[in-house]
């Protein structure tokens, strides 16, 4: 089991930036793939970005070009750099590794 803890959420105005951090303990499963998901009020959880062990990245279409997923394997940290935020980015952001999830961090973007 991988333990995951997110941090870095907050309240930001539209156009602003935030960097989310996920601290994980233990080696990532699922071949080393890790991902960020989000859950907006009244909506289901949706995939936002994925980083494979080989370094390939994949993004939800609506965040491509604004969000960047990265990892510091020496520190067991996964990041999500978010720029040019819009109100539709509001939600609880979760770190994921295989079947394991963190508790989430709230991101609120005001218009």
Foldseek 3Di string as FASTA:
>chain_A
DKAKAKDWADEEEQQAKIKMKIAIDDQFPPQRKKFKWWDDVPGDIGTAKMAHPVGDIDGDPVQPPFWDWDDDVVRRMIMIIGGSDDQVVFGWMWMDGDPDIYPTDGHGYHD
